[in-house]
Amino acid sequence: MSHALTGHNRPQQVIEAIQQANAPLDAATRQAKYAKMAASTYRFFRGTNHMYWQDVWYDWRFSLFGGWPNTQTWLQGDAHVYNFGAYGHHDDQVRYGMDDFDDALIGDYQYDLWRLAISVVLDGRENAELSPKAIDKALGKLLEGYYYTLADYTDDVPIEAVTLDSAKGQLKPFMSKVADKQSRARMLEKWTTLDDQRGRQFAERPGKLANLPADMASQLRRLIEQEYQQTLQDAAKESDPRHFRVKDTARRLDAGTGSLGVERYYVLIEGGVDHEHDDIILDVKEQVTPEAYHFMSKAQQQAWRKLFPNEGIRHAAAFHAIAEHPDAYLGWLTMNDKVFSVRERSPFKKDFPTHKLSSGKPYRKLARQWGQILAREHLRGAKALNSGDHRPFAMAICQRLKGREEQFVEVLSTLAVAYADCVEQDYGVFIDHFLATDSP
């Protein structure tokens, strides 16, 4: 019997989806990305966000607890455990939350919540080595943390972020360690060198940084010193023209998993002029349409493009909406017909090492905080979409869930475990087809 007679051929769907998503990459970059994805099931999950959106875009279960205009918000778009982390920007204060908005879009809150829940299952199995029962409890705490945080914000109260002062449980010592061991000076020491004649320049870091051809370096310098500054919010614009003087440029190599293959550059600018350690590293990253865009109808895509003429504008809008303290250097530029986001490289970027958690109890507590943080970020996103009022979003979800909290946890926990099982099967297909053969 011909396999072409039915669409239910998951292995072939997986192979074709991965081939199509990575076809634009050159052979060397594609193989490097596949090697990263092959490291573990969780890494594979990170590198195949396109498959997640393909699978869930039309899922009927959204109607159970959402699927209404008021249950939409700004989404992170690639929510998973290791997209939470420590970060900090211009004020040098360490915070904890989501700080990656490359796939951000507007949609139903459950898209983020489902993906985060699935990642908890995969991370719990792989890194924390939790039992199925412990994972189930962690999922319950994640979803409770999300729901009860929304219930707390049905009134007009400030939406706070997790800082070193407000951190609880396992996050407190983690963030304290980040604050003690990481700083702007140490970041500059890691990525740059300083000499008496040339001043500060990017260091030689094979595999991490590469020199740019002179014409490209000149072009990037001009764009940063002139056009990019026009995309900054007024409060971030410096009156001192020396502030954005470019001192050096470099190509950033081998960063990320899902984003491997997009163009990325580091630009060293003067920053403050009083001290050498006031220098700023700008992260210039190519922005492409979020994975979900490819599953929108033509009318939806046209509406999207009217709202966001390019993906740099979309990225900046999402960042300003979701983050409590957006990066002061957040902007965008166009170069060689490609759009790039521009932001400061955080001196405090660090993921929480879940493999170091001793048992299911601390993992449950952390999972509850992940749910709380995602809820607050969704509230901020909804506030940006609703004329500064987050309450319609919070009340809409609470009305959908009231009296059905246990069903909500049961349905989403079952979904997360089942989808994680599917990811493990898909990972096996990927290994067999892309790494065990000479397939392109």
Protein backbone atom coordinates (compact mmCIF):
# COMPACT_ATOMS: atom_id res chain seq x y z
CA MET A 1 0.00 0.00 0.00
CA SER A 2 1.29 3.47 -0.89
CA HIS A 3 2.29 5.64 2.07
CA ALA A 4 1.18 8.64 -0.01
CA LEU A 5 -2.47 7.73 0.59
CA THR A 6 -2.46 9.16 4.12
CA GLY A 7 -1.05 12.25 5.78
CA HIS A 8 -0.46 10.36 9.01
CA ASN A 9 3.20 9.62 8.49
CA ARG A 10 4.90 11.32 11.42
CA PRO A 11 8.48 10.29 10.57
CA GLN A 12 8.16 11.77 7.09
CA GLN A 13 6.54 14.93 8.50
CA VAL A 14 9.48 15.37 10.90
CA ILE A 15 12.08 14.84 8.17
CA GLU A 16 10.39 17.21 5.73
CA ALA A 17 9.79 19.92 8.36
CA ILE A 18 13.43 19.90 9.46
CA GLN A 19 14.71 19.90 5.89
CA GLN A 20 12.47 22.81 4.91
CA ALA A 21 13.29 24.89 8.00
CA ASN A 22 17.04 24.50 7.53
CA ALA A 23 17.25 24.59 3.73
CA PRO A 24 18.42 28.26 3.63
CA LEU A 25 21.53 27.40 5.70
CA ASP A 26 24.79 26.53 4.01
CA ALA A 27 25.93 22.93 4.44
CA ALA A 28 28.51 23.64 7.17
CA THR A 29 26.12 25.73 9.29
CA ARG A 30 23.34 23.20 8.84
CA GLN A 31 25.56 20.36 10.04
CA ALA A 32 26.73 22.46 13.00
CA LYS A 33 23.11 23.10 13.96
CA TYR A 34 22.20 19.43 13.58
CA ALA A 35 25.14 18.50 15.81
CA LYS A 36 23.82 20.84 18.52
CA MET A 37 20.30 19.44 18.17
CA ALA A 38 21.65 15.90 18.43
CA ALA A 39 23.17 16.57 21.86
CA SER A 40 19.91 15.76 23.65
CA THR A 41 16.14 15.59 23.32
CA TYR A 42 15.84 18.97 25.00
CA ARG A 43 18.31 20.51 22.54
CA PHE A 44 16.29 19.00 19.71
CA PHE A 45 13.14 20.60 21.16
CA ARG A 46 14.90 23.97 21.25
CA GLY A 47 16.01 23.64 17.64
CA THR A 48 12.58 22.67 16.26
CA ASN A 49 10.25 25.41 17.47
CA HIS A 50 8.82 25.40 13.94
CA MET A 51 7.48 21.88 14.52
CA TYR A 52 5.80 22.89 17.76
CA TRP A 53 3.91 25.70 16.02
CA GLN A 54 3.01 23.43 13.14
CA ASP A 55 1.57 20.89 15.58
CA VAL A 56 -0.41 23.22 17.85
CA TRP A 57 -1.53 26.09 15.58
CA TYR A 58 -5.03 24.66 15.04
CA ASP A 59 -5.33 22.55 18.20
CA TRP A 60 -8.96 22.47 19.40
CA ARG A 61 -7.94 22.38 23.07
CA PHE A 62 -7.26 26.12 22.98
CA SER A 63 -11.01 26.68 23.12
CA LEU A 64 -11.29 24.97 26.52
CA PHE A 65 -9.47 27.65 28.50
CA GLY A 66 -8.96 30.51 26.04
CA GLY A 67 -9.25 31.26 22.36
CA TRP A 68 -10.96 34.62 22.92
CA PRO A 69 -9.79 38.12 21.97
CA ASN A 70 -9.16 39.05 25.59
CA THR A 71 -7.03 35.93 26.22
CA GLN A 72 -4.46 37.19 23.71
CA THR A 73 -1.29 38.98 24.70
CA TRP A 74 2.29 39.48 23.60
CA LEU A 75 3.87 36.00 23.65
CA GLN A 76 7.52 35.14 24.09
CA GLY A 77 7.03 32.70 21.22
CA ASP A 78 9.69 30.16 22.25
CA ALA A 79 8.93 29.65 25.93
CA HIS A 80 11.07 26.98 27.55
CA VAL A 81 12.96 26.50 30.80
CA TYR A 82 16.29 27.70 29.43
CA ASN A 83 14.81 30.88 28.01
CA PHE A 84 14.48 31.98 31.62
CA GLY A 85 17.67 33.34 33.10
CA ALA A 86 19.49 36.11 34.89
CA TYR A 87 19.94 39.32 32.95
CA GLY A 88 20.63 43.01 33.51
CA HIS A 89 21.35 46.01 31.37
CA HIS A 90 22.09 49.70 31.75
CA ASP A 91 21.30 49.99 35.46
CA ASP A 92 23.53 47.00 36.33
CA GLN A 93 20.81 45.41 38.48
CA VAL A 94 20.42 41.63 38.18
CA ARG A 95 16.93 40.38 37.29
CA TYR A 96 15.47 37.00 36.43
CA GLY A 97 12.98 36.30 33.67
CA MET A 98 12.68 35.90 29.92
CA ASP A 99 15.08 38.03 27.92
CA ASP A 100 14.83 36.59 24.40
CA PHE A 101 12.07 37.91 22.14
CA ASP A 102 13.25 36.79 18.70
CA ASP A 103 10.05 34.73 18.21
CA ALA A 104 7.69 37.10 20.03
CA LEU A 105 4.21 37.58 18.58
CA ILE A 106 0.65 38.37 19.62
CA GLY A 107 -1.54 35.34 20.32
CA ASP A 108 -3.40 33.24 22.87
CA TYR A 109 -1.59 32.87 26.19
CA GLN A 110 -1.72 29.08 25.98
CA TYR A 111 0.82 28.88 23.16
CA ASP A 112 3.53 30.00 25.61
CA LEU A 113 2.16 28.04 28.54
CA TRP A 114 1.97 24.76 26.61
CA ARG A 115 5.52 25.05 25.29
CA LEU A 116 6.86 25.93 28.73
CA ALA A 117 5.04 22.97 30.29
CA ILE A 118 6.44 20.58 27.66
CA SER A 119 9.94 21.89 28.35
CA VAL A 120 9.47 21.23 32.08
CA VAL A 121 8.74 17.57 31.28
CA LEU A 122 11.78 17.25 29.01
CA ASP A 123 14.06 19.11 31.42
CA GLY A 124 12.74 17.18 34.40
CA ARG A 125 13.52 13.89 32.67
CA GLU A 126 16.86 14.84 31.21
CA ASN A 127 18.58 17.34 33.51
CA ALA A 128 16.89 17.06 36.89
CA GLU A 129 16.37 13.27 36.54
CA LEU A 130 12.94 13.45 38.16
CA SER A 131 10.44 10.61 38.39
CA PRO A 132 7.15 10.82 36.43
CA LYS A 133 5.35 11.56 39.70
CA ALA A 134 7.75 14.39 40.56
CA ILE A 135 7.36 15.85 37.06
CA ASP A 136 3.58 15.72 37.38
CA LYS A 137 3.79 17.65 40.65
CA ALA A 138 6.12 20.21 39.06
CA LEU A 139 3.64 20.73 36.23
CA GLY A 140 0.88 21.29 38.76
CA LYS A 141 2.93 23.96 40.51
CA LEU A 142 3.85 25.63 37.20
CA LEU A 143 0.21 25.94 36.16
CA GLU A 144 -0.96 26.96 39.64
CA GLY A 145 1.71 29.64 39.74
CA TYR A 146 0.51 31.01 36.41
CA TYR A 147 -3.20 30.99 37.23
CA TYR A 148 -3.02 32.36 40.77
CA THR A 149 -0.71 35.15 39.66
CA LEU A 150 -3.34 36.25 37.14
CA ALA A 151 -5.95 36.11 39.91
CA ASP A 152 -3.79 38.42 42.01
CA TYR A 153 -3.65 40.98 39.20
CA THR A 154 -7.34 41.44 38.42
CA ASP A 155 -6.94 44.75 40.25
CA ASP A 156 -4.83 47.65 39.02
CA VAL A 157 -1.58 46.92 40.88
CA PRO A 158 2.04 47.29 39.68
CA ILE A 159 3.46 44.28 37.82
CA GLU A 160 6.83 43.57 39.41
CA ALA A 161 9.87 41.69 38.08
CA VAL A 162 12.11 39.30 40.02
CA THR A 163 15.11 41.23 41.33
CA LEU A 164 17.87 40.26 43.73
CA ASP A 165 15.87 41.86 46.54
CA SER A 166 12.59 40.08 45.73
CA ALA A 167 14.00 36.67 44.69
CA LYS A 168 12.89 33.65 46.73
CA GLY A 169 13.91 30.03 47.16
CA GLN A 170 16.56 28.69 44.81
CA LEU A 171 16.65 31.91 42.81
CA LYS A 172 18.05 33.96 45.70
CA PRO A 173 21.49 32.27 45.97
CA PHE A 174 21.64 31.86 42.18
CA MET A 175 21.12 35.57 41.55
CA SER A 176 23.48 36.52 44.37
CA LYS A 177 26.19 34.41 42.77
CA VAL A 178 25.56 36.03 39.39
CA ALA A 179 25.78 39.50 40.96
CA ASP A 180 29.02 38.61 42.74
CA LYS A 181 30.79 36.85 39.88
CA GLN A 182 29.61 38.72 36.80
CA SER A 183 29.94 42.39 35.98
CA ARG A 184 30.42 44.72 33.04
CA ALA A 185 34.16 44.87 33.75
CA ARG A 186 34.45 41.06 33.71
CA MET A 187 32.41 40.82 30.52
CA LEU A 188 34.72 43.30 28.82
CA GLU A 189 37.73 41.39 30.11
CA LYS A 190 36.31 38.20 28.57
CA TRP A 191 35.46 39.60 25.15
CA THR A 192 37.96 42.44 24.63
CA THR A 193 41.58 43.46 25.10
CA LEU A 194 43.01 46.84 26.06
CA ASP A 195 46.34 48.29 24.96
CA ASP A 196 47.89 51.75 25.18
CA GLN A 197 47.94 52.44 21.43
CA ARG A 198 44.71 51.01 20.02
CA GLY A 199 42.53 51.30 23.10
CA ARG A 200 39.92 48.62 23.66
CA GLN A 201 39.31 46.13 20.83
CA PHE A 202 37.62 42.75 20.54
CA ALA A 203 39.85 39.90 21.65
CA GLU A 204 40.84 36.99 19.44
CA ARG A 205 38.35 34.24 20.30
CA PRO A 206 38.48 31.47 17.67
CA GLY A 207 35.10 29.83 17.25
CA LYS A 208 33.35 32.73 19.01
CA LEU A 209 34.41 35.89 17.13
CA ALA A 210 35.74 36.55 13.63
CA ASN A 211 37.08 39.68 11.96
CA LEU A 212 34.86 41.45 9.45
CA PRO A 213 36.02 42.49 5.96
CA ALA A 214 36.93 46.17 5.91
CA ASP A 215 33.94 47.20 3.78
CA MET A 216 31.43 45.43 6.03
CA ALA A 217 33.06 46.80 9.19
CA SER A 218 32.84 50.30 7.71
CA GLN A 219 29.20 49.82 6.76
CA LEU A 220 28.25 48.53 10.21
CA ARG A 221 30.12 51.39 11.87
CA ARG A 222 28.20 53.95 9.81
CA LEU A 223 24.83 52.33 10.55
CA ILE A 224 25.46 52.25 14.31
CA GLU A 225 26.76 55.80 14.49
CA GLN A 226 23.93 57.23 12.39
CA GLU A 227 20.79 55.32 11.37
CA TYR A 228 20.39 52.94 14.34
CA GLN A 229 20.20 55.80 16.83
CA GLN A 230 17.02 57.08 15.18
CA THR A 231 15.21 53.87 16.25
CA LEU A 232 15.93 54.36 19.96
CA GLN A 233 13.30 55.70 22.32
CA ASP A 234 13.87 59.37 23.09
CA ALA A 235 14.91 58.68 26.69
CA ALA A 236 17.78 56.49 25.45
CA LYS A 237 19.21 58.98 22.97
CA GLU A 238 22.48 60.51 24.11
CA SER A 239 23.26 64.17 23.60
CA ASP A 240 26.99 63.38 23.59
CA PRO A 241 27.85 62.20 20.04
CA ARG A 242 30.88 60.35 21.38
CA HIS A 243 28.66 57.87 23.25
CA PHE A 244 27.93 55.78 20.13
CA ARG A 245 31.40 56.06 18.61
CA VAL A 246 32.29 52.60 17.31
CA LYS A 247 35.62 51.26 18.58
CA ASP A 248 35.53 47.81 16.96
CA THR A 249 33.29 45.26 15.24
CA ALA A 250 33.27 41.46 14.94
CA ARG A 251 31.15 38.62 13.64
CA ARG A 252 29.59 36.49 16.41
CA LEU A 253 29.91 32.76 15.75
CA ASP A 254 28.23 29.58 17.01
CA ALA A 255 25.62 31.24 19.25
CA GLY A 256 22.26 29.69 20.08
CA THR A 257 20.57 26.54 18.80
CA GLY A 258 17.36 27.43 16.98
CA SER A 259 18.86 30.73 15.83
CA LEU A 260 22.11 29.21 14.58
CA GLY A 261 22.65 30.42 11.02
CA VAL A 262 21.22 33.93 11.33
CA GLU A 263 23.75 36.73 10.88
CA ARG A 264 25.04 38.17 14.15
CA TYR A 265 27.62 40.81 15.04
CA TYR A 266 29.14 42.41 18.12
CA VAL A 267 29.84 46.14 18.07
CA LEU A 268 31.97 47.83 20.72
CA ILE A 269 30.95 51.45 21.36
CA GLU A 270 32.41 54.15 23.59
CA GLY A 271 29.56 54.36 26.09
CA GLY A 272 30.79 56.57 28.91
CA VAL A 273 33.93 58.56 28.16
CA ASP A 274 35.34 58.77 31.68
CA HIS A 275 36.51 55.16 32.09
CA GLU A 276 37.49 52.32 29.75
CA HIS A 277 35.16 49.91 31.56
CA ASP A 278 32.19 52.11 30.55
CA ASP A 279 32.39 50.63 27.03
CA ILE A 280 29.25 48.90 25.74
CA ILE A 281 28.98 45.75 23.61
CA LEU A 282 26.01 45.89 21.25
CA ASP A 283 24.54 42.61 20.01
CA VAL A 284 23.37 43.04 16.40
CA LYS A 285 21.24 40.05 15.38
CA GLU A 286 19.34 39.30 12.20
CA GLN A 287 15.60 39.12 12.82
CA VAL A 288 13.35 36.90 10.74
CA THR A 289 9.63 36.28 11.01
CA PRO A 290 8.61 34.21 14.06
CA GLU A 291 7.90 30.54 13.37
CA ALA A 292 4.17 31.07 13.93
CA TYR A 293 4.00 33.54 11.05
CA HIS A 294 4.33 30.71 8.51
CA PHE A 295 1.05 29.17 9.73
CA MET A 296 -1.01 32.36 9.58
CA SER A 297 -3.55 32.87 6.81
CA LYS A 298 -2.75 35.32 4.05
CA ALA A 299 -5.05 37.91 5.61
CA GLN A 300 -3.36 37.47 8.99
CA GLN A 301 0.06 37.88 7.41
CA GLN A 302 -1.06 41.07 5.65
CA ALA A 303 -2.41 42.48 8.92
CA TRP A 304 0.88 41.53 10.62
CA ARG A 305 2.94 43.38 8.03
CA LYS A 306 0.75 46.49 8.35
CA LEU A 307 1.34 46.46 12.10
CA PHE A 308 5.05 45.64 11.86
CA PRO A 309 6.64 46.84 8.59
CA ASN A 310 9.79 44.89 9.49
CA GLU A 311 10.87 42.37 12.11
CA GLY A 312 13.17 44.84 13.86
CA ILE A 313 10.13 46.97 14.68
CA ARG A 314 8.24 43.86 15.86
CA HIS A 315 11.14 42.72 18.06
CA ALA A 316 11.49 46.14 19.68
CA ALA A 317 7.72 46.43 20.24
CA ALA A 318 7.63 43.02 21.94
CA PHE A 319 10.65 43.78 24.10
CA HIS A 320 9.21 47.12 25.26
CA ALA A 321 5.86 45.45 25.95
CA ILE A 322 6.99 42.38 27.89
CA ALA A 323 10.15 43.44 29.73
CA GLU A 324 9.75 45.49 32.90
CA HIS A 325 13.03 47.31 32.25
CA PRO A 326 13.69 47.23 28.49
CA ASP A 327 17.25 47.65 27.34
CA ALA A 328 18.04 51.34 26.79
CA TYR A 329 20.04 50.38 23.67
CA LEU A 330 17.15 48.48 22.09
CA GLY A 331 16.69 49.43 18.43
CA TRP A 332 17.12 48.06 14.93
CA LEU A 333 18.82 48.65 11.60
CA THR A 334 18.77 47.35 8.04
CA MET A 335 21.89 46.13 6.27
CA ASN A 336 22.12 44.48 2.85
CA ASP A 337 18.33 44.01 2.69
CA LYS A 338 18.26 42.24 6.07
CA VAL A 339 16.79 43.56 9.31
CA PHE A 340 18.75 43.37 12.58
CA SER A 341 17.78 43.98 16.17
CA VAL A 342 20.30 45.94 18.24
CA ARG A 343 20.56 45.63 22.00
CA GLU A 344 23.17 45.70 24.71
CA ARG A 345 24.91 42.43 25.52
CA SER A 346 23.96 41.76 29.12
CA PRO A 347 26.84 41.48 31.60
CA PHE A 348 24.71 39.15 33.74
CA LYS A 349 23.38 36.61 31.23
CA LYS A 350 23.18 33.23 32.98
CA ASP A 351 20.85 30.21 32.92
CA PHE A 352 19.74 28.46 36.10
CA PRO A 353 21.48 25.05 36.29
CA THR A 354 18.49 22.76 36.89
CA HIS A 355 20.72 19.68 36.96
CA LYS A 356 22.07 20.91 40.32
CA LEU A 357 18.69 20.75 42.06
CA SER A 358 18.80 18.01 44.65
CA SER A 359 15.24 16.67 44.47
CA GLY A 360 11.70 17.19 43.25
CA LYS A 361 10.77 19.68 45.98
CA PRO A 362 13.14 22.52 44.96
CA TYR A 363 12.26 21.87 41.32
CA ARG A 364 8.54 22.26 42.14
CA LYS A 365 9.22 25.57 43.85
CA LEU A 366 11.20 26.82 40.88
CA ALA A 367 8.50 25.63 38.45
CA ARG A 368 5.93 27.64 40.38
CA GLN A 369 8.11 30.73 40.00
CA TRP A 370 8.43 30.10 36.25
CA GLY A 371 4.63 30.10 36.06
CA GLN A 372 4.44 33.31 38.07
CA ILE A 373 7.05 35.05 35.92
CA LEU A 374 5.37 34.00 32.65
CA ALA A 375 2.03 35.28 33.98
CA ARG A 376 3.52 38.66 34.87
CA GLU A 377 5.19 38.95 31.48
CA HIS A 378 1.90 38.13 29.78
CA LEU A 379 0.20 40.76 31.94
CA ARG A 380 2.72 43.37 30.82
CA GLY A 381 2.19 42.30 27.21
CA ALA A 382 -1.58 42.60 27.57
CA LYS A 383 -1.18 46.00 29.20
CA ALA A 384 0.70 47.22 26.12
CA LEU A 385 -2.10 45.97 23.86
CA ASN A 386 -4.98 47.32 25.96
CA SER A 387 -4.24 51.02 26.44
CA GLY A 388 -2.23 50.45 29.61
CA ASP A 389 -4.76 48.16 31.31
CA HIS A 390 -3.86 44.52 32.01
CA ARG A 391 -7.07 43.71 33.88
CA PRO A 392 -9.25 42.61 30.90
CA PHE A 393 -6.67 39.91 30.10
CA ALA A 394 -6.40 38.68 33.71
CA MET A 395 -10.17 38.68 34.23
CA ALA A 396 -10.87 36.92 30.91
CA ILE A 397 -8.63 33.96 31.79
CA CYS A 398 -9.80 33.78 35.40
CA GLN A 399 -13.42 33.68 34.19
CA ARG A 400 -12.57 30.83 31.80
CA LEU A 401 -10.82 28.86 34.56
CA LYS A 402 -13.04 29.61 37.57
CA GLY A 403 -14.26 26.34 39.09
CA ARG A 404 -12.25 24.38 36.51
CA GLU A 405 -8.76 24.80 37.94
CA GLU A 406 -8.25 21.06 38.47
CA GLN A 407 -9.39 20.31 34.91
CA PHE A 408 -7.03 22.99 33.62
CA VAL A 409 -4.06 21.38 35.39
CA GLU A 410 -5.10 17.87 34.33
CA VAL A 411 -5.59 18.72 30.63
CA LEU A 412 -2.38 20.73 30.29
CA SER A 413 -0.29 18.24 32.28
CA THR A 414 -1.55 15.34 30.15
CA LEU A 415 -0.86 17.34 27.00
CA ALA A 416 2.67 18.27 28.12
CA VAL A 417 3.66 14.69 28.97
CA ALA A 418 2.17 13.30 25.76
CA TYR A 419 3.86 15.93 23.59
CA ALA A 420 7.19 15.35 25.37
CA ASP A 421 6.82 11.65 24.51
CA CYS A 422 6.26 12.68 20.88
CA VAL A 423 9.38 14.91 20.95
CA GLU A 424 11.44 11.94 22.14
CA GLN A 425 10.14 9.85 19.23
CA ASP A 426 10.80 12.71 16.79
CA TYR A 427 14.32 13.02 18.17
CA GLY A 428 14.92 9.34 17.34
CA VAL A 429 13.72 9.93 13.78
CA PHE A 430 16.05 12.94 13.51
CA ILE A 431 19.08 10.97 14.74
CA ASP A 432 18.37 8.04 12.42
CA HIS A 433 17.78 10.14 9.31
CA PHE A 434 20.07 13.14 9.64
CA LEU A 435 23.01 11.79 11.65
CA ALA A 436 23.09 8.07 11.04
CA THR A 437 23.12 8.46 7.24
CA ASP A 438 24.73 10.70 4.66
CA SER A 439 21.45 12.57 4.08
CA PRO A 440 21.86 16.27 3.31
